[in-house]
Amino acid sequence: MTRSDLVEELAARFGQLTHRDAEFAVKAILDAMNDALVRGHRIEIRGFGSFSINRRPPRMGRNPRSGESVAIPEKRVPHFKPGKALREAVDQRTSEMQANEPKS
């Protein structure tokens, strides 16, 4: 699902929202999440999951073209951990889909 798909879904599901309002709502939520992660905060959405920042330590890598060693600096990267309800829903859905597949 893309951002525009999410806007379309919101506008379709809630008739009182115009397409423009739905677009504004999605942008506001994503901007707030972005700002929180940039500040180093953790975001938890019950039943869905949590977003946090993971630290990747500095390391030595290799340039694949020349084989030369390259120092890779420390990085901070966003990390998503799905909640229990989401994990169970995905697992149940994939189990149902596999059960309905024809055996060959």
PDB file of N, CA and C in Angstrom:
ATOM      1  N   MET A   1       0.854  -1.177   0.000  1.00  0.00           N
ATOM      2  CA  MET A   1       0.000   0.000   0.000  1.00  0.00           C
ATOM      3  C   MET A   1       0.897   1.235   0.000  1.00  0.00           C
ATOM      4  N   THR A   2       0.612   2.145  -0.886  1.00  0.00           N
ATOM      5  CA  THR A   2       1.371   3.387  -0.954  1.00  0.00           C
ATOM      6  C   THR A   2       0.649   4.484  -0.176  1.00  0.00           C
ATOM      7  N   ARG A   3       1.308   5.609  -0.057  1.00  0.00           N
ATOM      8  CA  ARG A   3       0.714   6.752   0.641  1.00  0.00           C
ATOM      9  C   ARG A   3      -0.589   7.188  -0.036  1.00  0.00           C
ATOM     10  N   SER A   4      -0.575   7.243  -1.372  1.00  0.00           N
ATOM     11  CA  SER A   4      -1.792   7.657  -2.093  1.00  0.00           C
ATOM     12  C   SER A   4      -2.905   6.615  -1.940  1.00  0.00           C
ATOM     13  N   ASP A   5      -2.547   5.320  -1.841  1.00  0.00           N
ATOM     14  CA  ASP A   5      -3.546   4.278  -1.588  1.00  0.00           C
ATOM     15  C   ASP A   5      -4.197   4.497  -0.219  1.00  0.00           C
ATOM     16  N   LEU A   6      -3.379   4.864   0.762  1.00  0.00           N
ATOM     17  CA  LEU A   6      -3.888   5.118   2.104  1.00  0.00           C
ATOM     18  C   LEU A   6      -4.847   6.310   2.111  1.00  0.00           C
ATOM     19  N   VAL A   7      -4.494   7.360   1.380  1.00  0.00           N
ATOM     20  CA  VAL A   7      -5.366   8.539   1.273  1.00  0.00           C
ATOM     21  C   VAL A   7      -6.691   8.143   0.629  1.00  0.00           C
ATOM     22  N   GLU A   8      -6.632   7.371  -0.453  1.00  0.00           N
ATOM     23  CA  GLU A   8      -7.849   6.918  -1.142  1.00  0.00           C
ATOM     24  C   GLU A   8      -8.721   6.079  -0.205  1.00  0.00           C
ATOM     25  N   GLU A   9      -8.097   5.185   0.557  1.00  0.00           N
ATOM     26  CA  GLU A   9      -8.836   4.323   1.484  1.00  0.00           C
ATOM     27  C   GLU A   9      -9.530   5.141   2.564  1.00  0.00           C
ATOM     28  N   LEU A  10      -8.831   6.119   3.120  1.00  0.00           N
ATOM     29  CA  LEU A  10      -9.435   6.985   4.143  1.00  0.00           C
ATOM     30  C   LEU A  10     -10.608   7.775   3.578  1.00  0.00           C
ATOM     31  N   ALA A  11     -10.430   8.360   2.407  1.00  0.00           N
ATOM     32  CA  ALA A  11     -11.491   9.158   1.792  1.00  0.00           C
ATOM     33  C   ALA A  11     -12.711   8.286   1.471  1.00  0.00           C
ATOM     34  N   ALA A  12     -12.468   7.048   1.040  1.00  0.00           N
ATOM     35  CA  ALA A  12     -13.573   6.145   0.704  1.00  0.00           C
ATOM     36  C   ALA A  12     -14.288   5.643   1.959  1.00  0.00           C
ATOM     37  N   ARG A  13     -13.519   5.356   3.004  1.00  0.00           N
ATOM     38  CA  ARG A  13     -14.090   4.793   4.225  1.00  0.00           C
ATOM     39  C   ARG A  13     -14.866   5.818   5.042  1.00  0.00           C
ATOM     40  N   PHE A  14     -14.417   7.076   5.004  1.00  0.00           N
ATOM     41  CA  PHE A  14     -15.068   8.132   5.778  1.00  0.00           C
ATOM     42  C   PHE A  14     -15.623   9.172   4.808  1.00  0.00           C
ATOM     43  N   GLY A  15     -16.907   9.077   4.535  1.00  0.00           N
ATOM     44  CA  GLY A  15     -17.555   9.938   3.556  1.00  0.00           C
ATOM     45  C   GLY A  15     -17.484  11.418   3.873  1.00  0.00           C
ATOM     46  N   GLN A  16     -17.388  11.772   5.166  1.00  0.00           N
ATOM     47  CA  GLN A  16     -17.318  13.189   5.535  1.00  0.00           C
ATOM     48  C   GLN A  16     -15.953  13.799   5.225  1.00  0.00           C
ATOM     49  N   LEU A  17     -14.942  12.963   4.951  1.00  0.00           N
ATOM     50  CA  LEU A  17     -13.608  13.473   4.617  1.00  0.00           C
ATOM     51  C   LEU A  17     -13.478  13.670   3.111  1.00  0.00           C
ATOM     52  N   THR A  18     -13.044  14.838   2.722  1.00  0.00           N
ATOM     53  CA  THR A  18     -12.740  15.034   1.305  1.00  0.00           C
ATOM     54  C   THR A  18     -11.378  14.415   1.034  1.00  0.00           C
ATOM     55  N   HIS A  19     -11.069  14.247  -0.222  1.00  0.00           N
ATOM     56  CA  HIS A  19      -9.770  13.696  -0.603  1.00  0.00           C
ATOM     57  C   HIS A  19      -8.651  14.574  -0.041  1.00  0.00           C
ATOM     58  N   ARG A  20      -8.850  15.864  -0.097  1.00  0.00           N
ATOM     59  CA  ARG A  20      -7.844  16.813   0.402  1.00  0.00           C
ATOM     60  C   ARG A  20      -7.659  16.696   1.920  1.00  0.00           C
ATOM     61  N   ASP A  21      -8.777  16.530   2.660  1.00  0.00           N
ATOM     62  CA  ASP A  21      -8.706  16.362   4.112  1.00  0.00           C
ATOM     63  C   ASP A  21      -7.986  15.066   4.475  1.00  0.00           C
ATOM     64  N   ALA A  22      -8.284  13.994   3.748  1.00  0.00           N
ATOM     65  CA  ALA A  22      -7.634  12.708   4.005  1.00  0.00           C
ATOM     66  C   ALA A  22      -6.139  12.814   3.736  1.00  0.00           C
ATOM     67  N   GLU A  23      -5.786  13.512   2.675  1.00  0.00           N
ATOM     68  CA  GLU A  23      -4.374  13.708   2.341  1.00  0.00           C
ATOM     69  C   GLU A  23      -3.671  14.507   3.445  1.00  0.00           C
ATOM     70  N   PHE A  24      -4.346  15.529   3.949  1.00  0.00           N
ATOM     71  CA  PHE A  24      -3.794  16.346   5.033  1.00  0.00           C
ATOM     72  C   PHE A  24      -3.619  15.514   6.306  1.00  0.00           C
ATOM     73  N   ALA A  25      -4.596  14.658   6.621  1.00  0.00           N
ATOM     74  CA  ALA A  25      -4.534  13.813   7.819  1.00  0.00           C
ATOM     75  C   ALA A  25      -3.363  12.836   7.737  1.00  0.00           C
ATOM     76  N   VAL A  26      -3.210  12.192   6.601  1.00  0.00           N
ATOM     77  CA  VAL A  26      -2.098  11.243   6.423  1.00  0.00           C
ATOM     78  C   VAL A  26      -0.770  11.972   6.534  1.00  0.00           C
ATOM     79  N   LYS A  27      -0.667  13.133   5.905  1.00  0.00           N
ATOM     80  CA  LYS A  27       0.575  13.908   5.967  1.00  0.00           C
ATOM     81  C   LYS A  27       0.883  14.329   7.400  1.00  0.00           C
ATOM     82  N   ALA A  28      -0.137  14.765   8.145  1.00  0.00           N
ATOM     83  CA  ALA A  28       0.064  15.202   9.528  1.00  0.00           C
ATOM     84  C   ALA A  28       0.548  14.047  10.405  1.00  0.00           C
ATOM     85  N   ILE A  29      -0.042  12.876  10.245  1.00  0.00           N
ATOM     86  CA  ILE A  29       0.361  11.716  11.047  1.00  0.00           C
ATOM     87  C   ILE A  29       1.791  11.302  10.714  1.00  0.00           C
ATOM     88  N   LEU A  30       2.106  11.201   9.434  1.00  0.00           N
ATOM     89  CA  LEU A  30       3.458  10.785   9.036  1.00  0.00           C
ATOM     90  C   LEU A  30       4.508  11.821   9.447  1.00  0.00           C
ATOM     91  N   ASP A  31       4.172  13.108   9.347  1.00  0.00           N
ATOM     92  CA  ASP A  31       5.103  14.160   9.785  1.00  0.00           C
ATOM     93  C   ASP A  31       5.359  14.083  11.286  1.00  0.00           C
ATOM     94  N   ALA A  32       4.300  13.827  12.063  1.00  0.00           N
ATOM     95  CA  ALA A  32       4.449  13.716  13.522  1.00  0.00           C
ATOM     96  C   ALA A  32       5.313  12.506  13.877  1.00  0.00           C
ATOM     97  N   MET A  33       5.112  11.395  13.183  1.00  0.00           N
ATOM     98  CA  MET A  33       5.929  10.204  13.431  1.00  0.00           C
ATOM     99  C   MET A  33       7.380  10.459  13.054  1.00  0.00           C
ATOM    100  N   ASN A  34       7.575  11.098  11.915  1.00  0.00           N
ATOM    101  CA  ASN A  34       8.922  11.438  11.444  1.00  0.00           C
ATOM    102  C   ASN A  34       9.643  12.317  12.467  1.00  0.00           C
ATOM    103  N   ASP A  35       8.974  13.361  12.932  1.00  0.00           N
ATOM    104  CA  ASP A  35       9.575  14.286  13.908  1.00  0.00           C
ATOM    105  C   ASP A  35       9.934  13.570  15.205  1.00  0.00           C
ATOM    106  N   ALA A  36       9.056  12.681  15.670  1.00  0.00           N
ATOM    107  CA  ALA A  36       9.321  11.952  16.910  1.00  0.00           C
ATOM    108  C   ALA A  36      10.552  11.058  16.762  1.00  0.00           C
ATOM    109  N   LEU A  37      10.661  10.362  15.642  1.00  0.00           N
ATOM    110  CA  LEU A  37      11.821   9.493  15.430  1.00  0.00           C
ATOM    111  C   LEU A  37      13.106  10.299  15.289  1.00  0.00           C
ATOM    112  N   VAL A  38      13.041  11.430  14.606  1.00  0.00           N
ATOM    113  CA  VAL A  38      14.224  12.280  14.454  1.00  0.00           C
ATOM    114  C   VAL A  38      14.708  12.756  15.824  1.00  0.00           C
ATOM    115  N   ARG A  39      13.780  13.036  16.737  1.00  0.00           N
ATOM    116  CA  ARG A  39      14.149  13.475  18.088  1.00  0.00           C
ATOM    117  C   ARG A  39      14.599  12.314  18.968  1.00  0.00           C
ATOM    118  N   GLY A  40      14.525  11.080  18.449  1.00  0.00           N
ATOM    119  CA  GLY A  40      14.983   9.914  19.202  1.00  0.00           C
ATOM    120  C   GLY A  40      13.920   9.256  20.046  1.00  0.00           C
ATOM    121  N   HIS A  41      12.657   9.661  19.893  1.00  0.00           N
ATOM    122  CA  HIS A  41      11.566   9.076  20.673  1.00  0.00           C
ATOM    123  C   HIS A  41      11.113   7.755  20.058  1.00  0.00           C
ATOM    124  N   ARG A  42      10.459   6.964  20.869  1.00  0.00           N
ATOM    125  CA  ARG A  42       9.878   5.693  20.438  1.00  0.00           C
ATOM    126  C   ARG A  42       8.391   5.934  20.196  1.00  0.00           C
ATOM    127  N   ILE A  43       7.844   5.292  19.165  1.00  0.00           N
ATOM    128  CA  ILE A  43       6.423   5.417  18.849  1.00  0.00           C
ATOM    129  C   ILE A  43       5.782   4.051  19.034  1.00  0.00           C
ATOM    130  N   GLU A  44       4.719   3.998  19.817  1.00  0.00           N
ATOM    131  CA  GLU A  44       4.014   2.735  20.024  1.00  0.00           C
ATOM    132  C   GLU A  44       2.549   2.913  19.662  1.00  0.00           C
ATOM    133  N   ILE A  45       2.083   2.077  18.742  1.00  0.00           N
ATOM    134  CA  ILE A  45       0.680   2.080  18.331  1.00  0.00           C
ATOM    135  C   ILE A  45       0.121   0.716  18.740  1.00  0.00           C
ATOM    136  N   ARG A  46      -0.672   0.698  19.799  1.00  0.00           N
ATOM    137  CA  ARG A  46      -1.195  -0.559  20.346  1.00  0.00           C
ATOM    138  C   ARG A  46      -1.937  -1.352  19.278  1.00  0.00           C
ATOM    139  N   GLY A  47      -1.658  -2.635  19.225  1.00  0.00           N
ATOM    140  CA  GLY A  47      -2.306  -3.523  18.264  1.00  0.00           C
ATOM    141  C   GLY A  47      -1.655  -3.499  16.893  1.00  0.00           C
ATOM    142  N   PHE A  48      -0.740  -2.569  16.663  1.00  0.00           N
ATOM    143  CA  PHE A  48      -0.069  -2.481  15.365  1.00  0.00           C
ATOM    144  C   PHE A  48       1.417  -2.756  15.512  1.00  0.00           C
ATOM    145  N   GLY A  49       2.113  -1.962  16.325  1.00  0.00           N
ATOM    146  CA  GLY A  49       3.533  -2.178  16.519  1.00  0.00           C
ATOM    147  C   GLY A  49       4.213  -0.938  17.041  1.00  0.00           C
ATOM    148  N   SER A  50       5.537  -0.998  17.085  1.00  0.00           N
ATOM    149  CA  SER A  50       6.293   0.144  17.586  1.00  0.00           C
ATOM    150  C   SER A  50       7.445   0.471  16.647  1.00  0.00           C
ATOM    151  N   PHE A  51       7.761   1.740  16.601  1.00  0.00           N
ATOM    152  CA  PHE A  51       8.876   2.245  15.811  1.00  0.00           C
ATOM    153  C   PHE A  51       9.913   2.773  16.786  1.00  0.00           C
ATOM    154  N   SER A  52      11.170   2.471  16.537  1.00  0.00           N
ATOM    155  CA  SER A  52      12.243   2.977  17.379  1.00  0.00           C
ATOM    156  C   SER A  52      13.468   3.218  16.503  1.00  0.00           C
ATOM    157  N   ILE A  53      14.504   3.730  17.119  1.00  0.00           N
ATOM    158  CA  ILE A  53      15.751   3.986  16.405  1.00  0.00           C
ATOM    159  C   ILE A  53      16.788   2.976  16.879  1.00  0.00           C
ATOM    160  N   ASN A  54      17.411   2.263  15.937  1.00  0.00           N
ATOM    161  CA  ASN A  54      18.501   1.344  16.248  1.00  0.00           C
ATOM    162  C   ASN A  54      19.833   1.973  15.852  1.00  0.00           C
ATOM    163  N   ARG A  55      20.857   1.671  16.611  1.00  0.00           N
ATOM    164  CA  ARG A  55      22.202   2.173  16.320  1.00  0.00           C
ATOM    165  C   ARG A  55      22.985   1.075  15.622  1.00  0.00           C
ATOM    166  N   ARG A  56      23.589   1.402  14.488  1.00  0.00           N
ATOM    167  CA  ARG A  56      24.493   0.482  13.807  1.00  0.00           C
ATOM    168  C   ARG A  56      25.908   0.970  14.070  1.00  0.00           C
ATOM    169  N   PRO A  57      26.719   0.171  14.722  1.00  0.00           N
ATOM    170  CA  PRO A  57      28.068   0.625  15.064  1.00  0.00           C
ATOM    171  C   PRO A  57      28.945   0.795  13.820  1.00  0.00           C
ATOM    172  N   PRO A  58      30.030   1.569  13.952  1.00  0.00           N
ATOM    173  CA  PRO A  58      30.944   1.709  12.812  1.00  0.00           C
ATOM    174  C   PRO A  58      31.593   0.364  12.504  1.00  0.00           C
ATOM    175  N   ARG A  59      31.944   0.154  11.245  1.00  0.00           N
ATOM    176  CA  ARG A  59      32.564  -1.123  10.855  1.00  0.00           C
ATOM    177  C   ARG A  59      33.422  -0.925   9.617  1.00  0.00           C
ATOM    178  N   MET A  60      34.165  -1.938   9.309  1.00  0.00           N
ATOM    179  CA  MET A  60      34.970  -1.912   8.095  1.00  0.00           C
ATOM    180  C   MET A  60      34.226  -2.695   7.014  1.00  0.00           C
ATOM    181  N   GLY A  61      34.132  -2.106   5.823  1.00  0.00           N
ATOM    182  CA  GLY A  61      33.497  -2.763   4.696  1.00  0.00           C
ATOM    183  C   GLY A  61      34.481  -2.845   3.550  1.00  0.00           C
ATOM    184  N   ARG A  62      34.039  -3.372   2.447  1.00  0.00           N
ATOM    185  CA  ARG A  62      34.900  -3.481   1.262  1.00  0.00           C
ATOM    186  C   ARG A  62      34.209  -2.862   0.058  1.00  0.00           C
ATOM    187  N   ASN A  63      34.989  -2.155  -0.736  1.00  0.00           N
ATOM    188  CA  ASN A  63      34.503  -1.659  -2.019  1.00  0.00           C
ATOM    189  C   ASN A  63      34.450  -2.871  -2.946  1.00  0.00           C
ATOM    190  N   PRO A  64      33.266  -3.252  -3.461  1.00  0.00           N
ATOM    191  CA  PRO A  64      33.174  -4.463  -4.285  1.00  0.00           C
ATOM    192  C   PRO A  64      33.947  -4.367  -5.593  1.00  0.00           C
ATOM    193  N   ARG A  65      34.139  -3.166  -6.102  1.00  0.00           N
ATOM    194  CA  ARG A  65      34.843  -3.010  -7.368  1.00  0.00           C
ATOM    195  C   ARG A  65      36.351  -3.173  -7.206  1.00  0.00           C
ATOM    196  N   SER A  66      36.910  -2.508  -6.193  1.00  0.00           N
ATOM    197  CA  SER A  66      38.373  -2.526  -6.046  1.00  0.00           C
ATOM    198  C   SER A  66      38.859  -3.481  -4.956  1.00  0.00           C
ATOM    199  N   GLY A  67      37.972  -3.919  -4.063  1.00  0.00           N
ATOM    200  CA  GLY A  67      38.376  -4.788  -2.973  1.00  0.00           C
ATOM    201  C   GLY A  67      39.032  -4.032  -1.828  1.00  0.00           C
ATOM    202  N   GLU A  68      39.109  -2.728  -1.943  1.00  0.00           N
ATOM    203  CA  GLU A  68      39.752  -1.882  -0.944  1.00  0.00           C
ATOM    204  C   GLU A  68      38.866  -1.752   0.297  1.00  0.00           C
ATOM    205  N   SER A  69      39.500  -1.734   1.494  1.00  0.00           N
ATOM    206  CA  SER A  69      38.769  -1.577   2.748  1.00  0.00           C
ATOM    207  C   SER A  69      38.250  -0.152   2.874  1.00  0.00           C
ATOM    208  N   VAL A  70      37.024  -0.026   3.381  1.00  0.00           N
ATOM    209  CA  VAL A  70      36.396   1.279   3.539  1.00  0.00           C
ATOM    210  C   VAL A  70      35.789   1.354   4.950  1.00  0.00           C
ATOM    211  N   ALA A  71      36.025   2.460   5.639  1.00  0.00           N
ATOM    212  CA  ALA A  71      35.435   2.650   6.962  1.00  0.00           C
ATOM    213  C   ALA A  71      33.996   3.112   6.793  1.00  0.00           C
ATOM    214  N   ILE A  72      33.073   2.398   7.404  1.00  0.00           N
ATOM    215  CA  ILE A  72      31.655   2.758   7.351  1.00  0.00           C
ATOM    216  C   ILE A  72      31.308   3.366   8.708  1.00  0.00           C
ATOM    217  N   PRO A  73      30.849   4.620   8.728  1.00  0.00           N
ATOM    218  CA  PRO A  73      30.582   5.292  10.011  1.00  0.00           C
ATOM    219  C   PRO A  73      29.333   4.736  10.715  1.00  0.00           C
ATOM    220  N   GLU A  74      29.201   5.107  11.984  1.00  0.00           N
ATOM    221  CA  GLU A  74      28.023   4.737  12.771  1.00  0.00           C
ATOM    222  C   GLU A  74      26.770   5.334  12.128  1.00  0.00           C
ATOM    223  N   LYS A  75      25.667   4.590  12.222  1.00  0.00           N
ATOM    224  CA  LYS A  75      24.388   5.074  11.686  1.00  0.00           C
ATOM    225  C   LYS A  75      23.292   4.831  12.695  1.00  0.00           C
ATOM    226  N   ARG A  76      22.268   5.640  12.619  1.00  0.00           N
ATOM    227  CA  ARG A  76      21.042   5.416  13.374  1.00  0.00           C
ATOM    228  C   ARG A  76      19.950   5.195  12.330  1.00  0.00           C
ATOM    229  N   VAL A  77      19.241   4.075  12.476  1.00  0.00           N
ATOM    230  CA  VAL A  77      18.241   3.702  11.479  1.00  0.00           C
ATOM    231  C   VAL A  77      16.897   3.414  12.147  1.00  0.00           C
ATOM    232  N   PRO A  78      15.773   3.741  11.477  1.00  0.00           N
ATOM    233  CA  PRO A  78      14.461   3.418  12.032  1.00  0.00           C
ATOM    234  C   PRO A  78      14.243   1.905  12.020  1.00  0.00           C
ATOM    235  N   HIS A  79      13.515   1.420  13.027  1.00  0.00           N
ATOM    236  CA  HIS A  79      13.233  -0.006  13.151  1.00  0.00           C
ATOM    237  C   HIS A  79      11.757  -0.170  13.528  1.00  0.00           C
ATOM    238  N   PHE A  80      11.086  -1.109  12.877  1.00  0.00           N
ATOM    239  CA  PHE A  80       9.682  -1.398  13.191  1.00  0.00           C
ATOM    240  C   PHE A  80       9.578  -2.786  13.790  1.00  0.00           C
ATOM    241  N   LYS A  81       8.877  -2.893  14.899  1.00  0.00           N
ATOM    242  CA  LYS A  81       8.610  -4.183  15.518  1.00  0.00           C
ATOM    243  C   LYS A  81       7.100  -4.358  15.571  1.00  0.00           C
ATOM    244  N   PRO A  82       6.562  -5.335  14.830  1.00  0.00           N
ATOM    245  CA  PRO A  82       5.108  -5.520  14.820  1.00  0.00           C
ATOM    246  C   PRO A  82       4.596  -5.961  16.183  1.00  0.00           C
ATOM    247  N   GLY A  83       3.377  -5.526  16.503  1.00  0.00           N
ATOM    248  CA  GLY A  83       2.731  -5.914  17.747  1.00  0.00           C
ATOM    249  C   GLY A  83       2.166  -7.318  17.648  1.00  0.00           C
ATOM    250  N   LYS A  84       1.804  -7.872  18.783  1.00  0.00           N
ATOM    251  CA  LYS A  84       1.291  -9.240  18.845  1.00  0.00           C
ATOM    252  C   LYS A  84       0.039  -9.410  17.983  1.00  0.00           C
ATOM    253  N   ALA A  85      -0.889  -8.470  18.051  1.00  0.00           N
ATOM    254  CA  ALA A  85      -2.138  -8.576  17.282  1.00  0.00           C
ATOM    255  C   ALA A  85      -1.858  -8.585  15.782  1.00  0.00           C
ATOM    256  N   LEU A  86      -0.938  -7.743  15.316  1.00  0.00           N
ATOM    257  CA  LEU A  86      -0.591  -7.703  13.890  1.00  0.00           C
ATOM    258  C   LEU A  86       0.098  -8.997  13.464  1.00  0.00           C
ATOM    259  N   ARG A  87       1.030  -9.479  14.273  1.00  0.00           N
ATOM    260  CA  ARG A  87       1.735 -10.731  13.946  1.00  0.00           C
ATOM    261  C   ARG A  87       0.744 -11.886  13.826  1.00  0.00           C
ATOM    262  N   GLU A  88      -0.180 -11.968  14.794  1.00  0.00           N
ATOM    263  CA  GLU A  88      -1.156 -13.060  14.771  1.00  0.00           C
ATOM    264  C   GLU A  88      -2.104 -12.953  13.586  1.00  0.00           C
ATOM    265  N   ALA A  89      -2.534 -11.728  13.256  1.00  0.00           N
ATOM    266  CA  ALA A  89      -3.440 -11.531  12.117  1.00  0.00           C
ATOM    267  C   ALA A  89      -2.758 -11.915  10.808  1.00  0.00           C
ATOM    268  N   VAL A  90      -1.506 -11.520  10.647  1.00  0.00           N
ATOM    269  CA  VAL A  90      -0.763 -11.855   9.422  1.00  0.00           C
ATOM    270  C   VAL A  90      -0.544 -13.358   9.344  1.00  0.00           C
ATOM    271  N   ASP A  91      -0.176 -13.970  10.460  1.00  0.00           N
ATOM    272  CA  ASP A  91       0.063 -15.409  10.492  1.00  0.00           C
ATOM    273  C   ASP A  91      -1.210 -16.180  10.161  1.00  0.00           C
ATOM    274  N   GLN A  92      -2.339 -15.764  10.746  1.00  0.00           N
ATOM    275  CA  GLN A  92      -3.611 -16.439  10.488  1.00  0.00           C
ATOM    276  C   GLN A  92      -4.008 -16.295   9.022  1.00  0.00           C
ATOM    277  N   ARG A  93      -3.843 -15.100   8.487  1.00  0.00           N
ATOM    278  CA  ARG A  93      -4.220 -14.841   7.088  1.00  0.00           C
ATOM    279  C   ARG A  93      -3.371 -15.661   6.122  1.00  0.00           C
ATOM    280  N   THR A  94      -2.068 -15.729   6.374  1.00  0.00           N
ATOM    281  CA  THR A  94      -1.199 -16.498   5.475  1.00  0.00           C
ATOM    282  C   THR A  94      -1.471 -17.992   5.612  1.00  0.00           C
ATOM    283  N   SER A  95      -1.821 -18.449   6.824  1.00  0.00           N
ATOM    284  CA  SER A  95      -2.168 -19.866   7.015  1.00  0.00           C
ATOM    285  C   SER A  95      -3.429 -20.215   6.231  1.00  0.00           C
ATOM    286  N   GLU A  96      -4.428 -19.309   6.261  1.00  0.00           N
ATOM    287  CA  GLU A  96      -5.668 -19.534   5.517  1.00  0.00           C
ATOM    288  C   GLU A  96      -5.406 -19.554   4.018  1.00  0.00           C
ATOM    289  N   MET A  97      -4.544 -18.670   3.546  1.00  0.00           N
ATOM    290  CA  MET A  97      -4.246 -18.608   2.116  1.00  0.00           C
ATOM    291  C   MET A  97      -3.528 -19.878   1.668  1.00  0.00           C
ATOM    292  N   GLN A  98      -2.612 -20.381   2.486  1.00  0.00           N
ATOM    293  CA  GLN A  98      -1.892 -21.600   2.130  1.00  0.00           C
ATOM    294  C   GLN A  98      -2.826 -22.812   2.154  1.00  0.00           C
ATOM    295  N   ALA A  99      -3.785 -22.829   3.063  1.00  0.00           N
ATOM    296  CA  ALA A  99      -4.734 -23.941   3.144  1.00  0.00           C
ATOM    297  C   ALA A  99      -5.653 -23.968   1.928  1.00  0.00           C
ATOM    298  N   ASN A 100      -5.935 -22.813   1.338  1.00  0.00           N
ATOM    299  CA  ASN A 100      -6.835 -22.733   0.181  1.00  0.00           C
ATOM    300  C   ASN A 100      -6.138 -22.950  -1.148  1.00  0.00           C
ATOM    301  N   GLU A 101      -4.795 -23.027  -1.143  1.00  0.00           N
ATOM    302  CA  GLU A 101      -4.069 -23.236  -2.399  1.00  0.00           C
ATOM    303  C   GLU A 101      -4.255 -24.676  -2.855  1.00  0.00           C
ATOM    304  N   PRO A 102      -4.440 -24.858  -4.173  1.00  0.00           N
ATOM    305  CA  PRO A 102      -4.567 -26.240  -4.672  1.00  0.00           C
ATOM    306  C   PRO A 102      -3.234 -26.969  -4.567  1.00  0.00           C
ATOM    307  N   LYS A 103      -3.287 -28.237  -4.206  1.00  0.00           N
ATOM    308  CA  LYS A 103      -2.070 -29.049  -4.091  1.00  0.00           C
ATOM    309  C   LYS A 103      -1.703 -29.567  -5.484  1.00  0.00           C
ATOM    310  N   SER A 104      -0.399 -29.539  -5.800  1.00  0.00           N
ATOM    311  CA  SER A 104       0.006 -30.059  -7.119  1.00  0.00           C
ATOM    312  C   SER A 104       0.840 -31.289  -6.993  1.00  0.00           C
TER     313      SER A 104
END
